[in-house]
Every structure is written in structure tokens, then in C-alpha cells.
Amino acid sequence: MRGHASIQGSTDIPTLYDILPGYLSMPRKGDETLQQYFDKYTKKTGLWAHYPEYMVSTLKAYYGKRATAQNDFGYGWLPKLTGNHSFFEYLYDILDGKMDGMFLMGQNPAVGAPNSRLQRKALVEIKMARGARHGGG
């Protein structure tokens, strides 16, 4: 059993910020070249010893004929993570006044995850929510 009904889907598809399809790690700042990325994430044995093949296959699926060995299969076109971009970090940013708004699709954060009190507290602090609540635009 997994901890939440959507965990399997969010890791397989994926909808989590830090992984690519197939449980591949999202590149981070410092993983500037495809070789640096492979050096960091490829294991010596087991299925993850084939990490380069998995990643190249994913890049070819993304970029088609434009993904060539000469351009590292388009690896440079992938965004690189610069920090923790999880949902709870966004809530903390809202509460700290660092974030003004948010688009939410396919979820109700006020009731759909742990610590709903924190989520509701943060969501009412979004400037757009405050404006709408107080008759603003």
C-alpha cells in the first residue's frame, strides 16, 4: 500500500516536480551536461545501470528528430531544478509574502493533503484571494 491514492500516478506520469517519466531524476542546477547528469545518477549494477538509455529514450520521446547525439538529445532544453519546488514550499512562500498568486488545477488543496489548516491559512493570504474576499479584483 502506498501512502496516498494518487502516489502511483504522480510518480509514473509524473506530476511531481522532481522526477521525469520512468522515475528519472529531474536535472538540477549543476547537472549542466548530459554526461554530468549520467555520472550523478547512473548506478554500477542493476536496472539503473541502464540509466543513460532510459534518459535518452525519454529525451527522444520529448524532442523527436531534433534529439540527436550532437546536441545531447536535447538535454540542454530541459529546465534545471534550482531548489525545493514542492507544494508545501509554495505555502511557506505565500505565508512569507514571497508569492502573490497560484494556478491550481485538478486539486483542492484546502482539503486534499496533510495539514489542511496550513493550506487554508496560506491560500487566504494570496493577494488575488484577499482582493476577491475584500471586494477587490
Protein backbone atom coordinates (compact mmCIF):
# COMPACT_ATOMS: atom_id res chain seq x y z
CA MET A 1 0.00 0.00 0.00
CA ARG A 2 1.21 3.47 -0.81
CA GLY A 3 0.53 6.49 1.34
CA HIS A 4 -1.94 8.28 -0.92
CA ALA A 5 -4.30 7.24 -3.70
CA SER A 6 -2.52 9.31 -6.35
CA ILE A 7 1.08 8.47 -5.45
CA GLN A 8 1.42 5.77 -8.10
CA GLY A 9 0.11 8.03 -10.83
CA SER A 10 2.09 11.05 -9.71
CA THR A 11 5.33 9.10 -9.91
CA ASP A 12 4.56 7.13 -13.10
CA ILE A 13 3.28 10.03 -15.21
CA PRO A 14 4.85 12.06 -13.33
CA THR A 15 3.22 15.09 -11.79
CA LEU A 16 5.83 15.60 -9.10
CA TYR A 17 8.28 18.43 -9.67
CA ASP A 18 11.46 16.42 -9.11
CA ILE A 19 11.08 13.43 -11.42
CA LEU A 20 10.66 12.72 -15.10
CA PRO A 21 8.69 9.78 -16.53
CA GLY A 22 10.12 6.41 -15.57
CA TYR A 23 11.33 7.62 -12.18
CA LEU A 24 14.21 9.52 -13.76
CA SER A 25 15.55 12.38 -11.67
CA MET A 26 14.81 15.89 -12.84
CA PRO A 27 18.10 17.63 -13.64
CA ARG A 28 19.28 20.06 -11.00
CA LYS A 29 21.46 23.10 -11.17
CA GLY A 30 24.94 21.65 -11.55
CA ASP A 31 23.78 18.88 -13.91
CA GLU A 32 24.66 21.14 -16.83
CA THR A 33 25.68 18.47 -19.33
CA LEU A 34 24.15 15.15 -20.13
CA GLN A 35 27.39 13.44 -19.08
CA GLN A 36 27.36 15.19 -15.67
CA TYR A 37 23.77 14.03 -15.25
CA PHE A 38 24.69 10.43 -16.17
CA ASP A 39 27.68 10.49 -13.84
CA LYS A 40 25.47 11.55 -10.96
CA TYR A 41 22.50 9.21 -11.41
CA THR A 42 23.76 6.06 -13.16
CA LYS A 43 24.35 3.09 -10.84
CA LYS A 44 27.03 0.47 -11.46
CA THR A 45 24.67 -2.53 -11.28
CA GLY A 46 21.01 -3.41 -11.60
CA LEU A 47 18.37 -1.76 -13.74
CA TRP A 48 19.69 1.73 -13.01
CA ALA A 49 22.97 0.78 -14.73
CA HIS A 50 20.93 1.45 -17.89
CA TYR A 51 20.02 4.97 -16.77
CA PRO A 52 21.59 6.60 -19.87
CA GLU A 53 19.42 4.51 -22.19
CA TYR A 54 16.29 5.36 -20.20
CA MET A 55 17.08 9.08 -20.28
CA VAL A 56 17.98 9.17 -23.97
CA SER A 57 14.74 7.33 -24.74
CA THR A 58 12.79 9.92 -22.76
CA LEU A 59 14.55 12.81 -24.50
CA LYS A 60 13.85 11.27 -27.91
CA ALA A 61 10.20 10.90 -26.94
CA TYR A 62 10.12 14.59 -25.96
CA TYR A 63 12.04 16.08 -28.86
CA GLY A 64 11.72 13.57 -31.70
CA LYS A 65 14.08 14.00 -34.65
CA ARG A 66 15.58 17.12 -33.07
CA ALA A 67 17.09 14.94 -30.30
CA THR A 68 20.48 13.94 -31.69
CA ALA A 69 23.77 12.81 -30.20
CA GLN A 70 25.31 16.09 -31.42
CA ASN A 71 23.01 18.12 -29.10
CA ASP A 72 22.96 15.62 -26.21
CA PHE A 73 19.47 14.56 -27.34
CA GLY A 74 18.11 17.94 -26.30
CA TYR A 75 19.17 17.58 -22.67
CA GLY A 76 20.04 21.28 -22.52
CA TRP A 77 16.41 22.13 -23.27
CA LEU A 78 15.21 20.59 -20.03
CA PRO A 79 14.74 23.02 -17.15
CA LYS A 80 17.03 22.51 -14.17
CA LEU A 81 15.73 22.50 -10.62
CA THR A 82 17.06 25.32 -8.51
CA GLY A 83 15.57 24.29 -5.18
CA ASN A 84 12.65 22.64 -3.45
CA HIS A 85 9.58 23.36 -5.57
CA SER A 86 7.16 21.15 -3.66
CA PHE A 87 3.66 22.32 -2.86
CA PHE A 88 4.37 22.88 0.82
CA GLU A 89 7.31 25.13 -0.04
CA TYR A 90 4.87 27.25 -2.04
CA LEU A 91 2.63 27.52 1.01
CA TYR A 92 5.55 28.71 3.11
CA ASP A 93 6.46 31.23 0.39
CA ILE A 94 2.89 32.57 0.41
CA LEU A 95 2.93 32.95 4.18
CA ASP A 96 6.33 34.68 3.99
CA GLY A 97 4.98 37.15 1.42
CA LYS A 98 7.22 35.80 -1.37
CA MET A 99 4.41 34.61 -3.65
CA ASP A 100 1.41 36.58 -4.89
CA GLY A 101 -0.71 34.01 -6.69
CA MET A 102 -1.06 30.47 -7.92
CA PHE A 103 -2.91 28.47 -10.55
CA LEU A 104 -4.32 25.21 -9.20
CA MET A 105 -5.69 22.54 -11.48
CA GLY A 106 -7.14 19.20 -10.54
CA GLN A 107 -6.89 19.56 -6.80
CA ASN A 108 -8.49 21.22 -3.83
CA PRO A 109 -5.55 21.97 -1.54
CA ALA A 110 -7.82 23.11 1.27
CA VAL A 111 -8.93 19.52 1.83
CA GLY A 112 -6.75 17.26 -0.32
CA ALA A 113 -3.49 16.89 1.55
CA PRO A 114 -1.97 16.82 5.03
CA ASN A 115 -2.14 19.92 7.20
CA SER A 116 -5.23 21.44 5.62
CA ARG A 117 -5.18 24.19 8.26
CA LEU A 118 -1.79 25.41 6.95
CA GLN A 119 -3.05 25.21 3.38
CA ARG A 120 -6.18 27.23 4.06
CA LYS A 121 -4.17 29.77 6.09
CA ALA A 122 -1.76 30.25 3.19
CA LEU A 123 -4.38 30.33 0.45
CA VAL A 124 -6.29 33.20 2.03
CA GLU A 125 -3.04 35.19 2.04
CA ILE A 126 -2.69 35.06 -1.74
CA LYS A 127 -3.15 38.63 -2.96
CA MET A 128 -5.75 37.62 -5.53
CA ALA A 129 -7.73 35.80 -2.83
CA ARG A 130 -7.50 38.78 -0.45
CA GLY A 131 -8.66 41.14 -3.19
CA ALA A 132 -11.61 38.95 -4.12
CA ARG A 133 -12.55 38.44 -0.46
CA HIS A 134 -12.48 42.18 0.22
CA GLY A 135 -14.38 43.17 -2.91
CA GLY A 136 -11.27 43.86 -4.98
CA GLY A 137 -10.39 42.47 -8.40
